[in-house]
Amino acid sequence: MKISQAFKFEAAHRLPNVPQTHRCHRVHGHSYRVEVVLNGAVDPHTGFVMDFFNMEEAFGLLIKKLDHDCLNDVPGLENPTAENIAIWIWEHAKPRLAQLSSVRVYETTDSWAEYDGPDR
């Protein structure tokens, strides 16, 4: 069974490794949407893979580290592409969410990057 919960945060960033003429080289912001997917068996007693409130509690602390910040200032996100943000979130969420199977980061409503872990 797969379950998913979405989270949102607002943040600024710039991409330091693109040419200076690239519009993303300048500081700008996004309204990010992150979808976290867990994979596991349904507990026969609770009926849950994981209670969404527990998922929110585990993941919400992580989002607070990113919300209304400049992502370039977050250790490990010096080059905060959508791809690198998805990897960073995975690495920080996996210890709290053992059943994590993917992280999808929407930079815009039409553009996203998805990370399924280092083994895929």
PDB file of N, CA and C in Angstrom:
ATOM      1  N   MET A   1       0.856  -1.175   0.000  1.00  0.00           N
ATOM      2  CA  MET A   1       0.000   0.000   0.000  1.00  0.00           C
ATOM      3  C   MET A   1       0.896   1.230   0.000  1.00  0.00           C
ATOM      4  N   LYS A   2       0.505   2.229  -0.756  1.00  0.00           N
ATOM      5  CA  LYS A   2       1.200   3.516  -0.759  1.00  0.00           C
ATOM      6  C   LYS A   2       0.271   4.566  -0.185  1.00  0.00           C
ATOM      7  N   ILE A   3       0.848   5.442   0.628  1.00  0.00           N
ATOM      8  CA  ILE A   3       0.120   6.612   1.099  1.00  0.00           C
ATOM      9  C   ILE A   3       0.983   7.833   0.819  1.00  0.00           C
ATOM     10  N   SER A   4       0.342   8.970   0.678  1.00  0.00           N
ATOM     11  CA  SER A   4       1.074  10.193   0.368  1.00  0.00           C
ATOM     12  C   SER A   4       0.474  11.355   1.132  1.00  0.00           C
ATOM     13  N   GLN A   5       1.333  12.282   1.491  1.00  0.00           N
ATOM     14  CA  GLN A   5       0.884  13.527   2.104  1.00  0.00           C
ATOM     15  C   GLN A   5       1.694  14.661   1.488  1.00  0.00           C
ATOM     16  N   ALA A   6       1.038  15.772   1.259  1.00  0.00           N
ATOM     17  CA  ALA A   6       1.684  16.928   0.645  1.00  0.00           C
ATOM     18  C   ALA A   6       1.936  18.004   1.686  1.00  0.00           C
ATOM     19  N   PHE A   7       3.041  18.706   1.501  1.00  0.00           N
ATOM     20  CA  PHE A   7       3.441  19.802   2.371  1.00  0.00           C
ATOM     21  C   PHE A   7       3.867  20.969   1.490  1.00  0.00           C
ATOM     22  N   LYS A   8       3.729  22.177   2.012  1.00  0.00           N
ATOM     23  CA  LYS A   8       4.115  23.368   1.253  1.00  0.00           C
ATOM     24  C   LYS A   8       5.062  24.225   2.076  1.00  0.00           C
ATOM     25  N   PHE A   9       5.952  24.904   1.368  1.00  0.00           N
ATOM     26  CA  PHE A   9       6.805  25.893   2.009  1.00  0.00           C
ATOM     27  C   PHE A   9       7.203  26.948   0.987  1.00  0.00           C
ATOM     28  N   GLU A  10       7.525  28.108   1.495  1.00  0.00           N
ATOM     29  CA  GLU A  10       7.957  29.240   0.674  1.00  0.00           C
ATOM     30  C   GLU A  10       9.439  29.465   0.947  1.00  0.00           C
ATOM     31  N   ALA A  11      10.212  29.665  -0.117  1.00  0.00           N
ATOM     32  CA  ALA A  11      11.643  29.886   0.091  1.00  0.00           C
ATOM     33  C   ALA A  11      12.259  30.592  -1.111  1.00  0.00           C
ATOM     34  N   ALA A  12      13.346  31.273  -0.824  1.00  0.00           N
ATOM     35  CA  ALA A  12      14.152  31.910  -1.864  1.00  0.00           C
ATOM     36  C   ALA A  12      15.357  31.020  -2.161  1.00  0.00           C
ATOM     37  N   HIS A  13      15.909  31.199  -3.337  1.00  0.00           N
ATOM     38  CA  HIS A  13      17.160  30.525  -3.685  1.00  0.00           C
ATOM     39  C   HIS A  13      17.729  31.149  -4.944  1.00  0.00           C
ATOM     40  N   ARG A  14      18.936  30.758  -5.241  1.00  0.00           N
ATOM     41  CA  ARG A  14      19.564  31.080  -6.517  1.00  0.00           C
ATOM     42  C   ARG A  14      20.379  29.865  -6.905  1.00  0.00           C
ATOM     43  N   LEU A  15      20.584  29.692  -8.177  1.00  0.00           N
ATOM     44  CA  LEU A  15      21.373  28.565  -8.662  1.00  0.00           C
ATOM     45  C   LEU A  15      22.761  29.061  -9.042  1.00  0.00           C
ATOM     46  N   PRO A  16      23.762  28.778  -8.203  1.00  0.00           N
ATOM     47  CA  PRO A  16      25.090  29.337  -8.407  1.00  0.00           C
ATOM     48  C   PRO A  16      25.870  28.706  -9.557  1.00  0.00           C
ATOM     49  N   ASN A  17      25.436  27.552 -10.048  1.00  0.00           N
ATOM     50  CA  ASN A  17      26.221  26.842 -11.059  1.00  0.00           C
ATOM     51  C   ASN A  17      25.679  26.975 -12.473  1.00  0.00           C
ATOM     52  N   VAL A  18      24.722  27.879 -12.673  1.00  0.00           N
ATOM     53  CA  VAL A  18      24.243  28.175 -14.024  1.00  0.00           C
ATOM     54  C   VAL A  18      24.935  29.453 -14.489  1.00  0.00           C
ATOM     55  N   PRO A  19      24.974  29.703 -15.796  1.00  0.00           N
ATOM     56  CA  PRO A  19      25.609  30.949 -16.274  1.00  0.00           C
ATOM     57  C   PRO A  19      24.954  32.183 -15.657  1.00  0.00           C
ATOM     58  N   GLN A  20      25.730  33.241 -15.511  1.00  0.00           N
ATOM     59  CA  GLN A  20      25.199  34.475 -14.924  1.00  0.00           C
ATOM     60  C   GLN A  20      24.048  35.052 -15.734  1.00  0.00           C
ATOM     61  N   THR A  21      23.958  34.684 -16.996  1.00  0.00           N
ATOM     62  CA  THR A  21      22.872  35.175 -17.844  1.00  0.00           C
ATOM     63  C   THR A  21      21.574  34.376 -17.644  1.00  0.00           C
ATOM     64  N   HIS A  22      21.649  33.247 -16.983  1.00  0.00           N
ATOM     65  CA  HIS A  22      20.472  32.416 -16.715  1.00  0.00           C
ATOM     66  C   HIS A  22      19.609  33.112 -15.662  1.00  0.00           C
ATOM     67  N   ARG A  23      18.306  33.165 -15.861  1.00  0.00           N
ATOM     68  CA  ARG A  23      17.458  33.913 -14.926  1.00  0.00           C
ATOM     69  C   ARG A  23      17.447  33.322 -13.523  1.00  0.00           C
ATOM     70  N   CYS A  24      17.764  32.042 -13.372  1.00  0.00           N
ATOM     71  CA  CYS A  24      17.777  31.432 -12.041  1.00  0.00           C
ATOM     72  C   CYS A  24      19.087  31.664 -11.293  1.00  0.00           C
ATOM     73  N   HIS A  25      20.024  32.350 -11.945  1.00  0.00           N
ATOM     74  CA  HIS A  25      21.261  32.718 -11.246  1.00  0.00           C
ATOM     75  C   HIS A  25      20.981  33.805 -10.205  1.00  0.00           C
ATOM     76  N   ARG A  26      19.966  34.617 -10.464  1.00  0.00           N
ATOM     77  CA  ARG A  26      19.582  35.673  -9.525  1.00  0.00           C
ATOM     78  C   ARG A  26      18.704  35.092  -8.415  1.00  0.00           C
ATOM     79  N   VAL A  27      18.707  35.740  -7.275  1.00  0.00           N
ATOM     80  CA  VAL A  27      17.842  35.313  -6.161  1.00  0.00           C
ATOM     81  C   VAL A  27      16.386  35.493  -6.567  1.00  0.00           C
ATOM     82  N   HIS A  28      15.603  34.455  -6.329  1.00  0.00           N
ATOM     83  CA  HIS A  28      14.175  34.473  -6.606  1.00  0.00           C
ATOM     84  C   HIS A  28      13.508  33.480  -5.659  1.00  0.00           C
ATOM     85  N   GLY A  29      12.202  33.437  -5.672  1.00  0.00           N
ATOM     86  CA  GLY A  29      11.501  32.559  -4.738  1.00  0.00           C
ATOM     87  C   GLY A  29      10.501  31.656  -5.414  1.00  0.00           C
ATOM     88  N   HIS A  30      10.099  30.632  -4.651  1.00  0.00           N
ATOM     89  CA  HIS A  30       9.095  29.677  -5.122  1.00  0.00           C
ATOM     90  C   HIS A  30       8.151  29.326  -3.978  1.00  0.00           C
ATOM     91  N   SER A  31       6.968  28.917  -4.363  1.00  0.00           N
ATOM     92  CA  SER A  31       6.036  28.280  -3.440  1.00  0.00           C
ATOM     93  C   SER A  31       6.153  26.782  -3.711  1.00  0.00           C
ATOM     94  N   TYR A  32       6.977  26.125  -2.918  1.00  0.00           N
ATOM     95  CA  TYR A  32       7.260  24.710  -3.134  1.00  0.00           C
ATOM     96  C   TYR A  32       6.141  23.837  -2.596  1.00  0.00           C
ATOM     97  N   ARG A  33       5.933  22.715  -3.259  1.00  0.00           N
ATOM     98  CA  ARG A  33       5.028  21.667  -2.788  1.00  0.00           C
ATOM     99  C   ARG A  33       5.851  20.387  -2.750  1.00  0.00           C
ATOM    100  N   VAL A  34       5.781  19.685  -1.645  1.00  0.00           N
ATOM    101  CA  VAL A  34       6.522  18.436  -1.478  1.00  0.00           C
ATOM    102  C   VAL A  34       5.516  17.325  -1.216  1.00  0.00           C
ATOM    103  N   GLU A  35       5.600  16.271  -1.993  1.00  0.00           N
ATOM    104  CA  GLU A  35       4.770  15.090  -1.773  1.00  0.00           C
ATOM    105  C   GLU A  35       5.658  13.976  -1.250  1.00  0.00           C
ATOM    106  N   VAL A  36       5.296  13.444  -0.112  1.00  0.00           N
ATOM    107  CA  VAL A  36       6.038  12.370   0.534  1.00  0.00           C
ATOM    108  C   VAL A  36       5.208  11.104   0.411  1.00  0.00           C
ATOM    109  N   VAL A  37       5.825  10.046  -0.093  1.00  0.00           N
ATOM    110  CA  VAL A  37       5.117   8.775  -0.281  1.00  0.00           C
ATOM    111  C   VAL A  37       5.747   7.720   0.622  1.00  0.00           C
ATOM    112  N   LEU A  38       4.890   7.041   1.371  1.00  0.00           N
ATOM    113  CA  LEU A  38       5.320   5.914   2.199  1.00  0.00           C
ATOM    114  C   LEU A  38       4.749   4.636   1.600  1.00  0.00           C
ATOM    115  N   ASN A  39       5.477   3.554   1.760  1.00  0.00           N
ATOM    116  CA  ASN A  39       5.076   2.263   1.239  1.00  0.00           C
ATOM    117  C   ASN A  39       5.138   1.251   2.371  1.00  0.00           C
ATOM    118  N   GLY A  40       4.064   0.495   2.585  1.00  0.00           N
ATOM    119  CA  GLY A  40       4.088  -0.504   3.642  1.00  0.00           C
ATOM    120  C   GLY A  40       2.776  -1.242   3.756  1.00  0.00           C
ATOM    121  N   ALA A  41       2.760  -2.161   4.677  1.00  0.00           N
ATOM    122  CA  ALA A  41       1.559  -2.953   4.920  1.00  0.00           C
ATOM    123  C   ALA A  41       0.571  -2.168   5.780  1.00  0.00           C
ATOM    124  N   VAL A  42      -0.690  -2.427   5.566  1.00  0.00           N
ATOM    125  CA  VAL A  42      -1.739  -1.820   6.386  1.00  0.00           C
ATOM    126  C   VAL A  42      -1.798  -2.587   7.707  1.00  0.00           C
ATOM    127  N   ASP A  43      -1.665  -1.860   8.805  1.00  0.00           N
ATOM    128  CA  ASP A  43      -1.772  -2.478  10.128  1.00  0.00           C
ATOM    129  C   ASP A  43      -3.205  -2.978  10.311  1.00  0.00           C
ATOM    130  N   PRO A  44      -3.385  -4.257  10.616  1.00  0.00           N
ATOM    131  CA  PRO A  44      -4.751  -4.787  10.728  1.00  0.00           C
ATOM    132  C   PRO A  44      -5.553  -4.172  11.869  1.00  0.00           C
ATOM    133  N   HIS A  45      -4.881  -3.693  12.896  1.00  0.00           N
ATOM    134  CA  HIS A  45      -5.595  -3.088  14.030  1.00  0.00           C
ATOM    135  C   HIS A  45      -5.992  -1.638  13.748  1.00  0.00           C
ATOM    136  N   THR A  46      -5.013  -0.818  13.296  1.00  0.00           N
ATOM    137  CA  THR A  46      -5.301   0.606  13.082  1.00  0.00           C
ATOM    138  C   THR A  46      -5.924   0.880  11.723  1.00  0.00           C
ATOM    139  N   GLY A  47      -5.624   0.022  10.750  1.00  0.00           N
ATOM    140  CA  GLY A  47      -6.077   0.282   9.387  1.00  0.00           C
ATOM    141  C   GLY A  47      -5.186   1.253   8.642  1.00  0.00           C
ATOM    142  N   PHE A  48      -4.056   1.641   9.242  1.00  0.00           N
ATOM    143  CA  PHE A  48      -3.132   2.613   8.660  1.00  0.00           C
ATOM    144  C   PHE A  48      -1.842   1.942   8.198  1.00  0.00           C
ATOM    145  N   VAL A  49      -1.227   2.517   7.179  1.00  0.00           N
ATOM    146  CA  VAL A  49       0.197   2.287   6.924  1.00  0.00           C
ATOM    147  C   VAL A  49       0.949   3.118   7.951  1.00  0.00           C
ATOM    148  N   MET A  50       0.535   4.374   8.079  1.00  0.00           N
ATOM    149  CA  MET A  50       0.993   5.288   9.125  1.00  0.00           C
ATOM    150  C   MET A  50      -0.098   6.322   9.307  1.00  0.00           C
ATOM    151  N   ASP A  51      -0.358   6.707  10.513  1.00  0.00           N
ATOM    152  CA  ASP A  51      -1.333   7.757  10.792  1.00  0.00           C
ATOM    153  C   ASP A  51      -0.825   9.057  10.154  1.00  0.00           C
ATOM    154  N   PHE A  52      -1.668   9.722   9.379  1.00  0.00           N
ATOM    155  CA  PHE A  52      -1.257  10.969   8.724  1.00  0.00           C
ATOM    156  C   PHE A  52      -0.807  12.025   9.732  1.00  0.00           C
ATOM    157  N   PHE A  53      -1.386  12.014  10.927  1.00  0.00           N
ATOM    158  CA  PHE A  53      -0.946  12.976  11.951  1.00  0.00           C
ATOM    159  C   PHE A  53       0.494  12.697  12.371  1.00  0.00           C
ATOM    160  N   ASN A  54       0.866  11.430  12.469  1.00  0.00           N
ATOM    161  CA  ASN A  54       2.253  11.074  12.802  1.00  0.00           C
ATOM    162  C   ASN A  54       3.200  11.442  11.669  1.00  0.00           C
ATOM    163  N   MET A  55       2.724  11.260  10.455  1.00  0.00           N
ATOM    164  CA  MET A  55       3.528  11.627   9.288  1.00  0.00           C
ATOM    165  C   MET A  55       3.763  13.134   9.269  1.00  0.00           C
ATOM    166  N   GLU A  56       2.721  13.882   9.539  1.00  0.00           N
ATOM    167  CA  GLU A  56       2.823  15.338   9.570  1.00  0.00           C
ATOM    168  C   GLU A  56       3.775  15.797  10.675  1.00  0.00           C
ATOM    169  N   GLU A  57       3.700  15.159  11.819  1.00  0.00           N
ATOM    170  CA  GLU A  57       4.584  15.509  12.930  1.00  0.00           C
ATOM    171  C   GLU A  57       6.042  15.248  12.570  1.00  0.00           C
ATOM    172  N   ALA A  58       6.315  14.105  11.961  1.00  0.00           N
ATOM    173  CA  ALA A  58       7.691  13.750  11.600  1.00  0.00           C
ATOM    174  C   ALA A  58       8.229  14.652  10.502  1.00  0.00           C
ATOM    175  N   PHE A  59       7.391  14.963   9.520  1.00  0.00           N
ATOM    176  CA  PHE A  59       7.873  15.726   8.377  1.00  0.00           C
ATOM    177  C   PHE A  59       7.777  17.228   8.589  1.00  0.00           C
ATOM    178  N   GLY A  60       6.827  17.648   9.403  1.00  0.00           N
ATOM    179  CA  GLY A  60       6.625  19.074   9.628  1.00  0.00           C
ATOM    180  C   GLY A  60       7.842  19.784  10.198  1.00  0.00           C
ATOM    181  N   LEU A  61       8.588  19.100  11.046  1.00  0.00           N
ATOM    182  CA  LEU A  61       9.805  19.697  11.619  1.00  0.00           C
ATOM    183  C   LEU A  61      10.827  20.007  10.531  1.00  0.00           C
ATOM    184  N   LEU A  62      10.887  19.153   9.543  1.00  0.00           N
ATOM    185  CA  LEU A  62      11.827  19.345   8.448  1.00  0.00           C
ATOM    186  C   LEU A  62      11.442  20.535   7.580  1.00  0.00           C
ATOM    187  N   ILE A  63      10.163  20.650   7.298  1.00  0.00           N
ATOM    188  CA  ILE A  63       9.683  21.769   6.479  1.00  0.00           C
ATOM    189  C   ILE A  63       9.978  23.103   7.166  1.00  0.00           C
ATOM    190  N   LYS A  64       9.875  23.133   8.487  1.00  0.00           N
ATOM    191  CA  LYS A  64      10.158  24.378   9.216  1.00  0.00           C
ATOM    192  C   LYS A  64      11.594  24.852   8.997  1.00  0.00           C
ATOM    193  N   LYS A  65      12.517  23.935   8.728  1.00  0.00           N
ATOM    194  CA  LYS A  65      13.908  24.314   8.463  1.00  0.00           C
ATOM    195  C   LYS A  65      14.053  25.017   7.117  1.00  0.00           C
ATOM    196  N   LEU A  66      13.108  24.792   6.204  1.00  0.00           N
ATOM    197  CA  LEU A  66      13.190  25.345   4.854  1.00  0.00           C
ATOM    198  C   LEU A  66      12.276  26.548   4.639  1.00  0.00           C
ATOM    199  N   ASP A  67      11.171  26.598   5.366  1.00  0.00           N
ATOM    200  CA  ASP A  67      10.150  27.607   5.119  1.00  0.00           C
ATOM    201  C   ASP A  67      10.654  29.015   5.414  1.00  0.00           C
ATOM    202  N   HIS A  68      10.409  29.903   4.473  1.00  0.00           N
ATOM    203  CA  HIS A  68      10.773  31.315   4.579  1.00  0.00           C
ATOM    204  C   HIS A  68      12.258  31.503   4.896  1.00  0.00           C
ATOM    205  N   ASP A  69      13.072  30.768   4.187  1.00  0.00           N
ATOM    206  CA  ASP A  69      14.524  30.879   4.328  1.00  0.00           C
ATOM    207  C   ASP A  69      15.121  30.974   2.930  1.00  0.00           C
ATOM    208  N   CYS A  70      16.386  31.294   2.867  1.00  0.00           N
ATOM    209  CA  CYS A  70      17.128  31.225   1.617  1.00  0.00           C
ATOM    210  C   CYS A  70      17.774  29.843   1.590  1.00  0.00           C
ATOM    211  N   LEU A  71      17.361  29.014   0.664  1.00  0.00           N
ATOM    212  CA  LEU A  71      17.818  27.625   0.651  1.00  0.00           C
ATOM    213  C   LEU A  71      19.330  27.503   0.505  1.00  0.00           C
ATOM    214  N   ASN A  72      19.960  28.452  -0.166  1.00  0.00           N
ATOM    215  CA  ASN A  72      21.423  28.416  -0.313  1.00  0.00           C
ATOM    216  C   ASN A  72      22.136  28.481   1.031  1.00  0.00           C
ATOM    217  N   ASP A  73      21.459  29.008   2.059  1.00  0.00           N
ATOM    218  CA  ASP A  73      22.054  29.122   3.395  1.00  0.00           C
ATOM    219  C   ASP A  73      21.855  27.872   4.246  1.00  0.00           C
ATOM    220  N   VAL A  74      21.088  26.911   3.748  1.00  0.00           N
ATOM    221  CA  VAL A  74      20.838  25.664   4.484  1.00  0.00           C
ATOM    222  C   VAL A  74      21.992  24.708   4.192  1.00  0.00           C
ATOM    223  N   PRO A  75      22.691  24.222   5.218  1.00  0.00           N
ATOM    224  CA  PRO A  75      23.803  23.298   4.972  1.00  0.00           C
ATOM    225  C   PRO A  75      23.358  22.099   4.130  1.00  0.00           C
ATOM    226  N   GLY A  76      24.094  21.854   3.055  1.00  0.00           N
ATOM    227  CA  GLY A  76      23.772  20.773   2.138  1.00  0.00           C
ATOM    228  C   GLY A  76      22.953  21.216   0.936  1.00  0.00           C
ATOM    229  N   LEU A  77      22.475  22.452   0.941  1.00  0.00           N
ATOM    230  CA  LEU A  77      21.683  22.972  -0.177  1.00  0.00           C
ATOM    231  C   LEU A  77      22.338  24.196  -0.808  1.00  0.00           C
ATOM    232  N   GLU A  78      23.618  24.162  -0.917  1.00  0.00           N
ATOM    233  CA  GLU A  78      24.329  25.301  -1.510  1.00  0.00           C
ATOM    234  C   GLU A  78      23.973  25.481  -2.990  1.00  0.00           C
ATOM    235  N   ASN A  79      23.573  24.402  -3.650  1.00  0.00           N
ATOM    236  CA  ASN A  79      23.096  24.442  -5.039  1.00  0.00           C
ATOM    237  C   ASN A  79      21.675  23.861  -5.054  1.00  0.00           C
ATOM    238  N   PRO A  80      20.684  24.666  -4.639  1.00  0.00           N
ATOM    239  CA  PRO A  80      19.344  24.144  -4.371  1.00  0.00           C
ATOM    240  C   PRO A  80      18.451  23.980  -5.604  1.00  0.00           C
ATOM    241  N   THR A  81      18.833  23.064  -6.479  1.00  0.00           N
ATOM    242  CA  THR A  81      17.948  22.690  -7.582  1.00  0.00           C
ATOM    243  C   THR A  81      16.807  21.848  -7.011  1.00  0.00           C
ATOM    244  N   ALA A  82      15.759  21.672  -7.769  1.00  0.00           N
ATOM    245  CA  ALA A  82      14.652  20.814  -7.307  1.00  0.00           C
ATOM    246  C   ALA A  82      15.167  19.398  -7.028  1.00  0.00           C
ATOM    247  N   GLU A  83      16.093  18.934  -7.864  1.00  0.00           N
ATOM    248  CA  GLU A  83      16.665  17.604  -7.679  1.00  0.00           C
ATOM    249  C   GLU A  83      17.418  17.508  -6.353  1.00  0.00           C
ATOM    250  N   ASN A  84      18.251  18.494  -6.076  1.00  0.00           N
ATOM    251  CA  ASN A  84      19.033  18.479  -4.837  1.00  0.00           C
ATOM    252  C   ASN A  84      18.161  18.676  -3.602  1.00  0.00           C
ATOM    253  N   ILE A  85      17.099  19.443  -3.729  1.00  0.00           N
ATOM    254  CA  ILE A  85      16.161  19.606  -2.607  1.00  0.00           C
ATOM    255  C   ILE A  85      15.490  18.274  -2.304  1.00  0.00           C
ATOM    256  N   ALA A  86      15.075  17.536  -3.342  1.00  0.00           N
ATOM    257  CA  ALA A  86      14.438  16.232  -3.137  1.00  0.00           C
ATOM    258  C   ALA A  86      15.399  15.264  -2.435  1.00  0.00           C
ATOM    259  N   ILE A  87      16.646  15.235  -2.845  1.00  0.00           N
ATOM    260  CA  ILE A  87      17.643  14.371  -2.196  1.00  0.00           C
ATOM    261  C   ILE A  87      17.857  14.800  -0.751  1.00  0.00           C
ATOM    262  N   TRP A  88      17.989  16.097  -0.519  1.00  0.00           N
ATOM    263  CA  TRP A  88      18.212  16.611   0.833  1.00  0.00           C
ATOM    264  C   TRP A  88      17.045  16.230   1.741  1.00  0.00           C
ATOM    265  N   ILE A  89      15.823  16.403   1.248  1.00  0.00           N
ATOM    266  CA  ILE A  89      14.649  16.048   2.052  1.00  0.00           C
ATOM    267  C   ILE A  89      14.663  14.555   2.356  1.00  0.00           C
ATOM    268  N   TRP A  90      14.953  13.727   1.353  1.00  0.00           N
ATOM    269  CA  TRP A  90      15.013  12.271   1.574  1.00  0.00           C
ATOM    270  C   TRP A  90      16.003  11.948   2.689  1.00  0.00           C
ATOM    271  N   GLU A  91      17.204  12.496   2.578  1.00  0.00           N
ATOM    272  CA  GLU A  91      18.259  12.175   3.546  1.00  0.00           C
ATOM    273  C   GLU A  91      17.892  12.596   4.963  1.00  0.00           C
ATOM    274  N   HIS A  92      17.136  13.669   5.102  1.00  0.00           N
ATOM    275  CA  HIS A  92      16.746  14.149   6.430  1.00  0.00           C
ATOM    276  C   HIS A  92      15.443  13.522   6.930  1.00  0.00           C
ATOM    277  N   ALA A  93      14.593  13.056   6.014  1.00  0.00           N
ATOM    278  CA  ALA A  93      13.313  12.470   6.416  1.00  0.00           C
ATOM    279  C   ALA A  93      13.408  10.966   6.671  1.00  0.00           C
ATOM    280  N   LYS A  94      14.272  10.280   5.951  1.00  0.00           N
ATOM    281  CA  LYS A  94      14.335   8.817   6.036  1.00  0.00           C
ATOM    282  C   LYS A  94      14.557   8.302   7.467  1.00  0.00           C
ATOM    283  N   PRO A  95      15.412   8.933   8.288  1.00  0.00           N
ATOM    284  CA  PRO A  95      15.563   8.431   9.662  1.00  0.00           C
ATOM    285  C   PRO A  95      14.268   8.493  10.484  1.00  0.00           C
ATOM    286  N   ARG A  96      13.383   9.431  10.167  1.00  0.00           N
ATOM    287  CA  ARG A  96      12.117   9.568  10.901  1.00  0.00           C
ATOM    288  C   ARG A  96      10.982   8.775  10.258  1.00  0.00           C
ATOM    289  N   LEU A  97      11.121   8.512   8.967  1.00  0.00           N
ATOM    290  CA  LEU A  97      10.062   7.842   8.208  1.00  0.00           C
ATOM    291  C   LEU A  97      10.675   6.631   7.489  1.00  0.00           C
ATOM    292  N   ALA A  98      10.800   5.548   8.198  1.00  0.00           N
ATOM    293  CA  ALA A  98      11.472   4.356   7.663  1.00  0.00           C
ATOM    294  C   ALA A  98      10.793   3.818   6.404  1.00  0.00           C
ATOM    295  N   GLN A  99       9.487   4.031   6.274  1.00  0.00           N
ATOM    296  CA  GLN A  99       8.745   3.511   5.131  1.00  0.00           C
ATOM    297  C   GLN A  99       8.769   4.449   3.921  1.00  0.00           C
ATOM    298  N   LEU A 100       9.572   5.501   3.984  1.00  0.00           N
ATOM    299  CA  LEU A 100       9.651   6.473   2.895  1.00  0.00           C
ATOM    300  C   LEU A 100      10.030   5.769   1.591  1.00  0.00           C
ATOM    301  N   SER A 101       9.247   6.019   0.535  1.00  0.00           N
ATOM    302  CA  SER A 101       9.569   5.408  -0.758  1.00  0.00           C
ATOM    303  C   SER A 101       9.859   6.435  -1.844  1.00  0.00           C
ATOM    304  N   SER A 102       9.385   7.678  -1.684  1.00  0.00           N
ATOM    305  CA  SER A 102       9.751   8.713  -2.645  1.00  0.00           C
ATOM    306  C   SER A 102       9.428  10.098  -2.100  1.00  0.00           C
ATOM    307  N   VAL A 103      10.149  11.061  -2.648  1.00  0.00           N
ATOM    308  CA  VAL A 103       9.942  12.478  -2.342  1.00  0.00           C
ATOM    309  C   VAL A 103       9.844  13.198  -3.679  1.00  0.00           C
ATOM    310  N   ARG A 104       8.756  13.925  -3.865  1.00  0.00           N
ATOM    311  CA  ARG A 104       8.575  14.719  -5.082  1.00  0.00           C
ATOM    312  C   ARG A 104       8.518  16.180  -4.684  1.00  0.00           C
ATOM    313  N   VAL A 105       9.347  17.000  -5.315  1.00  0.00           N
ATOM    314  CA  VAL A 105       9.419  18.431  -5.037  1.00  0.00           C
ATOM    315  C   VAL A 105       8.944  19.192  -6.265  1.00  0.00           C
ATOM    316  N   TYR A 106       7.856  19.936  -6.091  1.00  0.00           N
ATOM    317  CA  TYR A 106       7.344  20.809  -7.146  1.00  0.00           C
ATOM    318  C   TYR A 106       7.933  22.190  -6.935  1.00  0.00           C
ATOM    319  N   GLU A 107       8.659  22.659  -7.936  1.00  0.00           N
ATOM    320  CA  GLU A 107       9.188  24.018  -7.897  1.00  0.00           C
ATOM    321  C   GLU A 107       8.142  24.994  -8.446  1.00  0.00           C
ATOM    322  N   THR A 108       7.374  24.515  -9.401  1.00  0.00           N
ATOM    323  CA  THR A 108       6.218  25.240  -9.928  1.00  0.00           C
ATOM    324  C   THR A 108       5.089  24.211 -10.046  1.00  0.00           C
ATOM    325  N   THR A 109       3.935  24.640 -10.479  1.00  0.00           N
ATOM    326  CA  THR A 109       2.832  23.683 -10.627  1.00  0.00           C
ATOM    327  C   THR A 109       3.110  22.666 -11.729  1.00  0.00           C
ATOM    328  N   ASP A 110       4.012  23.004 -12.650  1.00  0.00           N
ATOM    329  CA  ASP A 110       4.273  22.148 -13.807  1.00  0.00           C
ATOM    330  C   ASP A 110       5.643  21.471 -13.792  1.00  0.00           C
ATOM    331  N   SER A 111       6.493  21.804 -12.837  1.00  0.00           N
ATOM    332  CA  SER A 111       7.870  21.294 -12.841  1.00  0.00           C
ATOM    333  C   SER A 111       8.197  20.653 -11.508  1.00  0.00           C
ATOM    334  N   TRP A 112       8.675  19.412 -11.547  1.00  0.00           N
ATOM    335  CA  TRP A 112       8.993  18.706 -10.313  1.00  0.00           C
ATOM    336  C   TRP A 112      10.168  17.766 -10.524  1.00  0.00           C
ATOM    337  N   ALA A 113      10.754  17.368  -9.398  1.00  0.00           N
ATOM    338  CA  ALA A 113      11.811  16.362  -9.367  1.00  0.00           C
ATOM    339  C   ALA A 113      11.412  15.344  -8.304  1.00  0.00           C
ATOM    340  N   GLU A 114      11.629  14.068  -8.609  1.00  0.00           N
ATOM    341  CA  GLU A 114      11.262  12.997  -7.687  1.00  0.00           C
ATOM    342  C   GLU A 114      12.484  12.136  -7.405  1.00  0.00           C
ATOM    343  N   TYR A 115      12.672  11.823  -6.116  1.00  0.00           N
ATOM    344  CA  TYR A 115      13.788  10.993  -5.684  1.00  0.00           C
ATOM    345  C   TYR A 115      13.237   9.770  -4.974  1.00  0.00           C
ATOM    346  N   ASP A 116      13.727   8.595  -5.397  1.00  0.00           N
ATOM    347  CA  ASP A 116      13.273   7.328  -4.843  1.00  0.00           C
ATOM    348  C   ASP A 116      14.333   6.662  -3.964  1.00  0.00           C
ATOM    349  N   GLY A 117      15.339   7.397  -3.599  1.00  0.00           N
ATOM    350  CA  GLY A 117      16.382   6.836  -2.750  1.00  0.00           C
ATOM    351  C   GLY A 117      17.620   6.440  -3.524  1.00  0.00           C
ATOM    352  N   PRO A 118      18.697   6.205  -2.794  1.00  0.00           N
ATOM    353  CA  PRO A 118      19.990   5.954  -3.436  1.00  0.00           C
ATOM    354  C   PRO A 118      20.085   4.600  -4.140  1.00  0.00           C
ATOM    355  N   ASP A 119      19.177   3.683  -3.857  1.00  0.00           N
ATOM    356  CA  ASP A 119      19.258   2.349  -4.446  1.00  0.00           C
ATOM    357  C   ASP A 119      18.513   2.223  -5.754  1.00  0.00           C
ATOM    358  N   ARG A 120      17.910   3.316  -6.224  1.00  0.00           N
ATOM    359  CA  ARG A 120      17.144   3.243  -7.480  1.00  0.00           C
ATOM    360  C   ARG A 120      17.771   4.041  -8.567  1.00  0.00           C
TER     361      ARG A 120
END
